[in-house]
Amino acid sequence: MFSNFKIKIKNWLEKLRALPDNQKKIILWLIVGVVGIGMLFFWIKSTLNTFSNIEKNIGEMDFLKINTTENSDFSTNQDFETKNYSVKLYIWPDKDSFNLQNRTFYATDLDSKNLIKIKVLEDAKIYKKISKDKIEYYDFQWLYSTLKNWEGPNWQFTVIGILQEDGSILSSEIYYQLQ
């Protein structure tokens, strides 16, 4: 039986070789088309099956309805408050403005060139450089005593803190760098 099937295929290939080139191309494209349609069918079936499995795993979701009526809480004329936002600034501190009692100093923002008041928290940490390993840190007293009589080049600070209503920064971390 297997040899009979093998002989039939061999005869069919001989007939195919005897055909003109135009007919060979037509047969080739028909075979490619049938295989392509079969692959497309199984690809779509597999994709739909995958999506249905995702739907089963996630379950039904209830999305919040977005109210787009005119009675919405949000309007384009709303004034936004600029308090209690986290900020990160690159500054040049004014070493003569350091106040140990109030734990404040003034500095020039490197981007906007504005003078900004910096209020340092009691538990604020002062680091030499920005890194993942925050091992060695100092306090405001150390920073004040170091900069009080400093005669070298300016120090650049990176201040991380919270923007206050009055425009000052309530700082929780300061990173210094000698220039």
Protein backbone atom coordinates (compact mmCIF):
# COMPACT_ATOMS: atom_id res chain seq x y z
CA MET A 1 0.00 0.00 0.00
CA PHE A 2 2.77 2.42 0.91
CA SER A 3 4.67 1.58 -2.26
CA ASN A 4 1.49 2.15 -4.31
CA PHE A 5 1.13 5.64 -2.77
CA LYS A 6 4.81 6.34 -3.42
CA ILE A 7 4.38 5.41 -7.09
CA LYS A 8 1.35 7.72 -7.44
CA ILE A 9 3.32 10.68 -6.04
CA LYS A 10 6.24 9.91 -8.33
CA ASN A 11 3.92 9.84 -11.38
CA TRP A 12 2.27 13.12 -10.29
CA LEU A 13 5.68 14.82 -9.98
CA GLU A 14 6.65 13.58 -13.45
CA LYS A 15 3.44 15.10 -14.90
CA LEU A 16 4.20 18.34 -13.02
CA ARG A 17 7.71 18.51 -14.48
CA ALA A 18 6.30 18.06 -17.98
CA LEU A 19 3.97 21.08 -17.64
CA PRO A 20 4.92 24.48 -19.10
CA ASP A 21 6.41 27.10 -16.74
CA ASN A 22 3.23 29.23 -16.62
CA GLN A 23 1.17 26.31 -15.31
CA LYS A 24 3.91 25.40 -12.79
CA LYS A 25 3.78 28.96 -11.41
CA ILE A 26 -0.01 28.84 -11.14
CA ILE A 27 0.13 25.54 -9.23
CA LEU A 28 2.90 26.89 -6.97
CA TRP A 29 0.89 30.02 -6.11
CA LEU A 30 -2.21 27.93 -5.47
CA ILE A 31 -0.26 25.76 -3.01
CA VAL A 32 1.23 28.86 -1.31
CA GLY A 33 -2.25 30.43 -1.09
CA VAL A 34 -3.86 27.34 0.44
CA VAL A 35 -1.04 26.99 2.99
CA GLY A 36 -1.22 30.73 3.77
CA ILE A 37 -4.99 30.65 4.30
CA GLY A 38 -4.57 27.62 6.57
CA MET A 39 -1.88 29.39 8.62
CA LEU A 40 -4.02 32.54 8.87
CA PHE A 41 -6.98 30.50 10.09
CA PHE A 42 -4.94 28.81 12.83
CA TRP A 43 -3.27 32.11 13.82
CA ILE A 44 -6.65 33.85 14.24
CA LYS A 45 -8.04 30.88 16.16
CA SER A 46 -4.99 30.86 18.47
CA THR A 47 -5.21 34.63 19.07
CA LEU A 48 -8.91 34.45 19.94
CA ASN A 49 -8.21 31.54 22.28
CA THR A 50 -5.45 33.53 24.02
CA PHE A 51 -7.73 36.57 24.46
CA SER A 52 -10.48 34.41 25.91
CA ASN A 53 -7.99 32.93 28.39
CA ILE A 54 -6.92 36.44 29.41
CA GLU A 55 -10.55 37.42 29.88
CA LYS A 56 -11.13 34.36 32.08
CA ASN A 57 -8.09 35.17 34.23
CA ILE A 58 -8.86 38.86 34.66
CA GLY A 59 -12.59 38.60 35.04
CA GLU A 60 -15.03 41.39 34.50
CA MET A 61 -13.67 44.89 35.09
CA ASP A 62 -15.69 47.89 36.17
CA PHE A 63 -14.09 51.04 34.84
CA LEU A 64 -14.95 54.34 36.46
CA LYS A 65 -17.35 56.39 34.44
CA ILE A 66 -15.90 59.71 33.37
CA ASN A 67 -18.26 62.60 33.85
CA THR A 68 -17.85 64.98 30.93
CA THR A 69 -20.83 67.21 31.63
CA GLU A 70 -20.58 70.90 32.37
CA ASN A 71 -21.24 70.22 36.05
CA SER A 72 -17.88 68.51 36.35
CA ASP A 73 -15.62 69.39 39.29
CA PHE A 74 -12.86 70.34 36.86
CA SER A 75 -13.01 73.46 34.76
CA THR A 76 -10.42 75.12 32.59
CA ASN A 77 -10.73 78.35 34.60
CA GLN A 78 -9.62 76.67 37.81
CA ASP A 79 -6.62 78.13 39.65
CA PHE A 80 -4.14 75.47 40.66
CA GLU A 81 -2.34 75.67 43.98
CA THR A 82 1.42 75.27 43.99
CA LYS A 83 1.93 73.89 47.47
CA ASN A 84 3.13 70.54 48.73
CA TYR A 85 4.66 69.42 45.44
CA SER A 86 7.93 67.51 45.52
CA VAL A 87 10.74 69.34 43.77
CA LYS A 88 14.38 68.75 42.92
CA LEU A 89 16.45 71.89 42.30
CA TYR A 90 20.04 72.55 41.34
CA ILE A 91 21.18 75.66 43.20
CA TRP A 92 24.12 77.89 44.12
CA PRO A 93 23.79 78.66 47.85
CA ASP A 94 24.55 82.12 49.23
CA LYS A 95 26.90 81.19 52.09
CA ASP A 96 26.33 84.54 53.83
CA SER A 97 22.58 83.89 54.11
CA PHE A 98 22.82 80.76 56.30
CA ASN A 99 20.79 81.11 59.51
CA LEU A 100 21.51 78.39 62.07
CA GLN A 101 18.58 79.21 64.37
CA ASN A 102 15.92 79.14 61.64
CA ARG A 103 17.73 76.45 59.62
CA THR A 104 17.33 78.50 56.43
CA PHE A 105 19.46 79.89 53.63
CA TYR A 106 18.97 81.53 50.25
CA ALA A 107 20.16 80.11 46.96
CA THR A 108 20.01 80.88 43.24
CA ASP A 109 18.22 78.32 41.09
CA LEU A 110 20.57 77.31 38.27
CA ASP A 111 17.72 76.95 35.77
CA SER A 112 15.56 80.02 36.43
CA LYS A 113 18.23 82.21 38.11
CA ASN A 114 15.64 83.09 40.81
CA LEU A 115 16.60 83.57 44.45
CA ILE A 116 14.84 80.91 46.55
CA LYS A 117 14.56 80.51 50.30
CA ILE A 118 15.45 77.01 51.49
CA LYS A 119 14.10 75.79 54.85
CA VAL A 120 15.93 72.70 56.09
CA LEU A 121 14.00 70.12 58.13
CA GLU A 122 15.32 69.03 61.54
CA ASP A 123 15.93 65.50 60.28
CA ALA A 124 17.24 66.54 56.85
CA LYS A 125 20.30 64.71 55.63
CA ILE A 126 23.17 66.28 53.72
CA TYR A 127 25.14 63.98 51.42
CA LYS A 128 28.34 64.50 49.49
CA LYS A 129 27.02 62.99 46.26
CA ILE A 130 23.90 61.48 44.79
CA SER A 131 24.03 57.69 44.89
CA LYS A 132 21.95 54.65 45.74
CA ASP A 133 24.04 53.97 48.85
CA LYS A 134 23.19 56.82 51.22
CA ILE A 135 25.65 55.79 53.89
CA GLU A 136 27.53 58.89 55.05
CA TYR A 137 25.49 62.01 55.73
CA TYR A 138 25.75 65.24 57.70
CA ASP A 139 23.36 67.67 59.38
CA PHE A 140 22.63 71.37 58.96
CA GLN A 141 24.97 72.32 61.85
CA TRP A 142 27.88 70.70 59.98
CA LEU A 143 26.95 72.45 56.72
CA TYR A 144 26.65 75.82 58.48
CA SER A 145 29.99 75.52 60.28
CA THR A 146 31.75 74.29 57.12
CA LEU A 147 30.48 77.07 54.86
CA LYS A 148 30.65 79.90 57.44
CA ASN A 149 34.34 80.63 56.82
CA TRP A 150 34.71 78.89 53.46
CA GLU A 151 37.06 80.69 51.07
CA GLY A 152 37.30 78.12 48.29
CA PRO A 153 35.16 77.70 45.19
CA ASN A 154 31.38 77.74 45.33
CA TRP A 155 29.46 74.63 46.22
CA GLN A 156 26.64 73.43 44.01
CA PHE A 157 23.68 71.91 45.85
CA THR A 158 20.95 69.60 44.69
CA VAL A 159 17.96 70.15 46.96
CA ILE A 160 15.08 67.70 47.26
CA GLY A 161 12.05 68.92 49.15
CA ILE A 162 8.52 70.27 49.03
CA LEU A 163 7.41 73.54 47.45
CA GLN A 164 5.62 75.71 50.03
CA GLU A 165 2.84 78.30 49.50
CA ASP A 166 5.28 81.19 49.94
CA GLY A 167 7.57 79.82 47.20
CA SER A 168 10.21 78.51 49.58
CA ILE A 169 11.44 74.93 49.60
CA LEU A 170 11.12 72.71 52.68
CA SER A 171 14.18 70.51 52.16
CA SER A 172 14.55 66.92 53.33
CA GLU A 173 17.76 66.08 51.46
CA ILE A 174 20.67 68.18 50.22
CA TYR A 175 23.51 66.91 48.04
CA TYR A 176 26.61 69.08 47.78
CA GLN A 177 29.36 69.17 45.22
CA LEU A 178 32.52 71.26 45.29
CA GLN A 179 33.20 73.19 42.09
